[in-house]
Every structure is written in structure tokens, then in C-alpha cells.
C-alpha atoms as a PDB file:
ATOM      1  CA  UNK A   1     -25.316   8.615 -14.829  1.00  0.00           C
ATOM      2  CA  UNK A   2     -23.729   9.478 -11.734  1.00  0.00           C
ATOM      3  CA  UNK A   3     -21.858   9.693  -8.673  1.00  0.00           C
ATOM      4  CA  UNK A   4     -23.581  10.027  -5.098  1.00  0.00           C
ATOM      5  CA  UNK A   5     -22.344  12.433  -3.377  1.00  0.00           C
ATOM      6  CA  UNK A   6     -20.543  14.426  -5.597  1.00  0.00           C
ATOM      7  CA  UNK A   7     -17.943  16.524  -4.544  1.00  0.00           C
ATOM      8  CA  UNK A   8     -17.538  14.079  -1.711  1.00  0.00           C
ATOM      9  CA  UNK A   9     -14.916  13.500   1.188  1.00  0.00           C
ATOM     10  CA  UNK A  10     -14.321   9.672   3.061  1.00  0.00           C
ATOM     11  CA  UNK A  11     -16.697   7.912   0.959  1.00  0.00           C
ATOM     12  CA  UNK A  12     -18.986   7.592  -3.351  1.00  0.00           C
ATOM     13  CA  UNK A  13     -21.214   5.205  -4.964  1.00  0.00           C
ATOM     14  CA  UNK A  14     -21.130   4.458  -8.182  1.00  0.00           C
ATOM     15  CA  UNK A  15     -24.658   4.336  -9.984  1.00  0.00           C
ATOM     16  CA  UNK A  16     -25.995   4.123 -13.631  1.00  0.00           C
ATOM     17  CA  UNK A  17     -29.078   2.502 -15.832  1.00  0.00           C
ATOM     18  CA  UNK A  18     -28.258   0.028 -17.879  1.00  0.00           C
ATOM     19  CA  UNK A  19     -30.281  -2.255 -20.293  1.00  0.00           C
ATOM     20  CA  UNK A  20     -28.910  -5.683 -19.166  1.00  0.00           C
ATOM     21  CA  UNK A  21     -31.540  -6.076 -15.746  1.00  0.00           C
ATOM     22  CA  UNK A  22     -30.866 -10.259 -15.667  1.00  0.00           C
ATOM     23  CA  UNK A  23     -27.806 -11.194 -17.485  1.00  0.00           C
ATOM     24  CA  UNK A  24     -24.370 -11.764 -16.193  1.00  0.00           C
ATOM     25  CA  UNK A  25     -22.359  -8.295 -16.426  1.00  0.00           C
ATOM     26  CA  UNK A  26     -18.910  -7.255 -16.172  1.00  0.00           C
ATOM     27  CA  UNK A  27     -18.235  -2.962 -14.825  1.00  0.00           C
ATOM     28  CA  UNK A  28     -15.530  -1.304 -14.295  1.00  0.00           C
ATOM     29  CA  UNK A  29     -15.117   2.250 -13.136  1.00  0.00           C
ATOM     30  CA  UNK A  30     -12.081   3.747 -14.061  1.00  0.00           C
ATOM     31  CA  UNK A  31     -11.345   7.390 -11.908  1.00  0.00           C
ATOM     32  CA  UNK A  32      -8.456   9.979 -13.548  1.00  0.00           C
ATOM     33  CA  UNK A  33      -6.351  12.581 -13.050  1.00  0.00           C
ATOM     34  CA  UNK A  34      -7.692  16.480 -14.994  1.00  0.00           C
ATOM     35  CA  UNK A  35      -3.979  15.502 -16.897  1.00  0.00           C
ATOM     36  CA  UNK A  36      -5.759  12.171 -17.842  1.00  0.00           C
ATOM     37  CA  UNK A  37      -3.595   9.242 -16.338  1.00  0.00           C
ATOM     38  CA  UNK A  38      -5.875   6.892 -14.245  1.00  0.00           C
ATOM     39  CA  UNK A  39      -5.180   6.172 -10.966  1.00  0.00           C
ATOM     40  CA  UNK A  40      -7.957   3.165 -10.139  1.00  0.00           C
ATOM     41  CA  UNK A  41     -10.316   0.615 -11.418  1.00  0.00           C
ATOM     42  CA  UNK A  42     -12.488  -0.417  -9.319  1.00  0.00           C
ATOM     43  CA  UNK A  43     -15.032  -4.074 -11.198  1.00  0.00           C
ATOM     44  CA  UNK A  44     -18.002  -5.500 -10.248  1.00  0.00           C
ATOM     45  CA  UNK A  45     -18.793  -9.252 -11.387  1.00  0.00           C
ATOM     46  CA  UNK A  46     -22.421  -9.999 -10.967  1.00  0.00           C
ATOM     47  CA  UNK A  47     -25.646 -10.212 -11.829  1.00  0.00           C
ATOM     48  CA  UNK A  48     -27.459  -7.669 -13.483  1.00  0.00           C
ATOM     49  CA  UNK A  49     -30.676  -7.180 -10.768  1.00  0.00           C
ATOM     50  CA  UNK A  50     -33.120  -4.977 -12.497  1.00  0.00           C
ATOM     51  CA  UNK A  51     -31.835  -2.039 -15.119  1.00  0.00           C
ATOM     52  CA  UNK A  52     -30.093   0.435 -12.429  1.00  0.00           C
ATOM     53  CA  UNK A  53     -26.778  -0.100 -10.393  1.00  0.00           C
ATOM     54  CA  UNK A  54     -27.432   2.413  -7.212  1.00  0.00           C
ATOM     55  CA  UNK A  55     -29.134   2.699  -3.517  1.00  0.00           C
ATOM     56  CA  UNK A  56     -28.262  -1.282  -2.810  1.00  0.00           C
ATOM     57  CA  UNK A  57     -25.946  -1.859  -4.870  1.00  0.00           C
ATOM     58  CA  UNK A  58     -23.676   1.368  -6.166  1.00  0.00           C
ATOM     59  CA  UNK A  59     -20.147   0.205  -6.774  1.00  0.00           C
ATOM     60  CA  UNK A  60     -18.455   1.806  -3.794  1.00  0.00           C
ATOM     61  CA  UNK A  61     -15.205   3.959  -4.016  1.00  0.00           C
ATOM     62  CA  UNK A  62     -13.132   5.534  -1.056  1.00  0.00           C
ATOM     63  CA  UNK A  63     -11.185   8.080  -2.183  1.00  0.00           C
ATOM     64  CA  UNK A  64      -8.361   6.032  -2.453  1.00  0.00           C
ATOM     65  CA  UNK A  65      -6.118   4.668  -5.768  1.00  0.00           C
ATOM     66  CA  UNK A  66      -4.839   1.603  -7.184  1.00  0.00           C
ATOM     67  CA  UNK A  67      -2.075   2.067  -3.761  1.00  0.00           C
ATOM     68  CA  UNK A  68      -4.681   2.016  -1.576  1.00  0.00           C
ATOM     69  CA  UNK A  69      -2.919   6.354  -1.000  1.00  0.00           C
ATOM     70  CA  UNK A  70      -6.193   9.389  -0.443  1.00  0.00           C
ATOM     71  CA  UNK A  71      -6.302  10.941  -3.803  1.00  0.00           C
ATOM     72  CA  UNK A  72      -4.904  14.363  -3.174  1.00  0.00           C
ATOM     73  CA  UNK A  73      -8.235  17.247  -2.842  1.00  0.00           C
ATOM     74  CA  UNK A  74      -9.087  17.730  -6.695  1.00  0.00           C
ATOM     75  CA  UNK A  75     -11.730  16.817  -9.663  1.00  0.00           C
ATOM     76  CA  UNK A  76     -10.680  13.652 -11.228  1.00  0.00           C
ATOM     77  CA  UNK A  77     -13.128  12.432 -14.563  1.00  0.00           C
ATOM     78  CA  UNK A  78     -14.160   8.599 -13.960  1.00  0.00           C
ATOM     79  CA  UNK A  79     -16.125   6.617 -17.290  1.00  0.00           C
ATOM     80  CA  UNK A  80     -17.598   3.419 -16.554  1.00  0.00           C
ATOM     81  CA  UNK A  81     -17.668   1.135 -19.229  1.00  0.00           C
ATOM     82  CA  UNK A  82     -20.091  -2.573 -19.053  1.00  0.00           C
ATOM     83  CA  UNK A  83     -19.630  -5.818 -20.823  1.00  0.00           C
ATOM     84  CA  UNK A  84     -22.200  -8.543 -20.450  1.00  0.00           C
ATOM     85  CA  UNK A  85     -21.342 -12.089 -20.559  1.00  0.00           C
ATOM     86  CA  UNK A  86     -19.669 -13.492 -23.461  1.00  0.00           C
ATOM     87  CA  UNK A  87     -19.422  -9.655 -24.466  1.00  0.00           C
ATOM     88  CA  UNK A  88     -22.994  -9.568 -26.192  1.00  0.00           C
ATOM     89  CA  UNK A  89     -23.380  -5.909 -24.987  1.00  0.00           C
ATOM     90  CA  UNK A  90     -20.981  -3.356 -24.237  1.00  0.00           C
ATOM     91  CA  UNK A  91     -20.658  -0.017 -23.926  1.00  0.00           C
ATOM     92  CA  UNK A  92     -18.609   2.315 -22.132  1.00  0.00           C
ATOM     93  CA  UNK A  93     -19.596   5.716 -21.439  1.00  0.00           C
ATOM     94  CA  UNK A  94     -18.627   9.539 -21.666  1.00  0.00           C
ATOM     95  CA  UNK A  95     -16.567  11.320 -18.652  1.00  0.00           C
ATOM     96  CA  UNK A  96     -17.627  12.687 -15.856  1.00  0.00           C
ATOM     97  CA  UNK A  97     -16.495  15.325 -13.051  1.00  0.00           C
ATOM     98  CA  UNK A  98     -16.464  14.088  -9.099  1.00  0.00           C
ATOM     99  CA  UNK A  99     -14.824  15.960  -7.276  1.00  0.00           C
ATOM    100  CA  UNK A 100     -12.167  15.180  -4.169  1.00  0.00           C
ATOM    101  CA  UNK A 101     -12.411  16.746  -0.792  1.00  0.00           C
ATOM    102  CA  UNK A 102     -10.029  15.525   1.588  1.00  0.00           C
END
């Protein structure tokens, strides 16, 4: 799991590997301040092509919060959660760091 580029100025893209190729999935990326306040939730619902979200099917983010405001420069944490249709498989990643340089 990673976001690229990191650090970023205008946008970043979340990429990760999974074991649900060919299944309908619900993916959520939650971004938090270093003090633990959630500032953004991104969702993707759709067919998982292959076993990797990345390059052409990554989850893009423009560095804004849930209200469309640009986040301040600094270090943030994120976590990715995914589940398959019907909840047959689900899981969450560990927290990772990203850096906003705006």
C-alpha cells in the first residue's frame, strides 16, 4: 500500500494490492490529522480488475477535506478499508503517512 507521489503538492494517488480480483468491492480511504481527527473519506465502489489498485485504477485525491477546503501543509495519516460485495471478505490496512506540501 502506498500513495504516489508522496510528498505531494496538487494530488496523490492511493495504490494497494488485494485478493479480490474480479469481484465487486467497496474501498474507503480515510485521511486523518496527526492528532487522529478524520478530515477526508474517499470511496470507490466497483469491479476490482486484477489484484492491484494502481496506475490506471488508483484512488486519486486532491488534498482537500470533506468540505472541499485545502488541507494545511503537514503530515497526515491514512488507512484503507476494503470489503467485497456481501461482506465475504473485508479488511483494513495499518496506518501510513503522507505529506502535503501545499
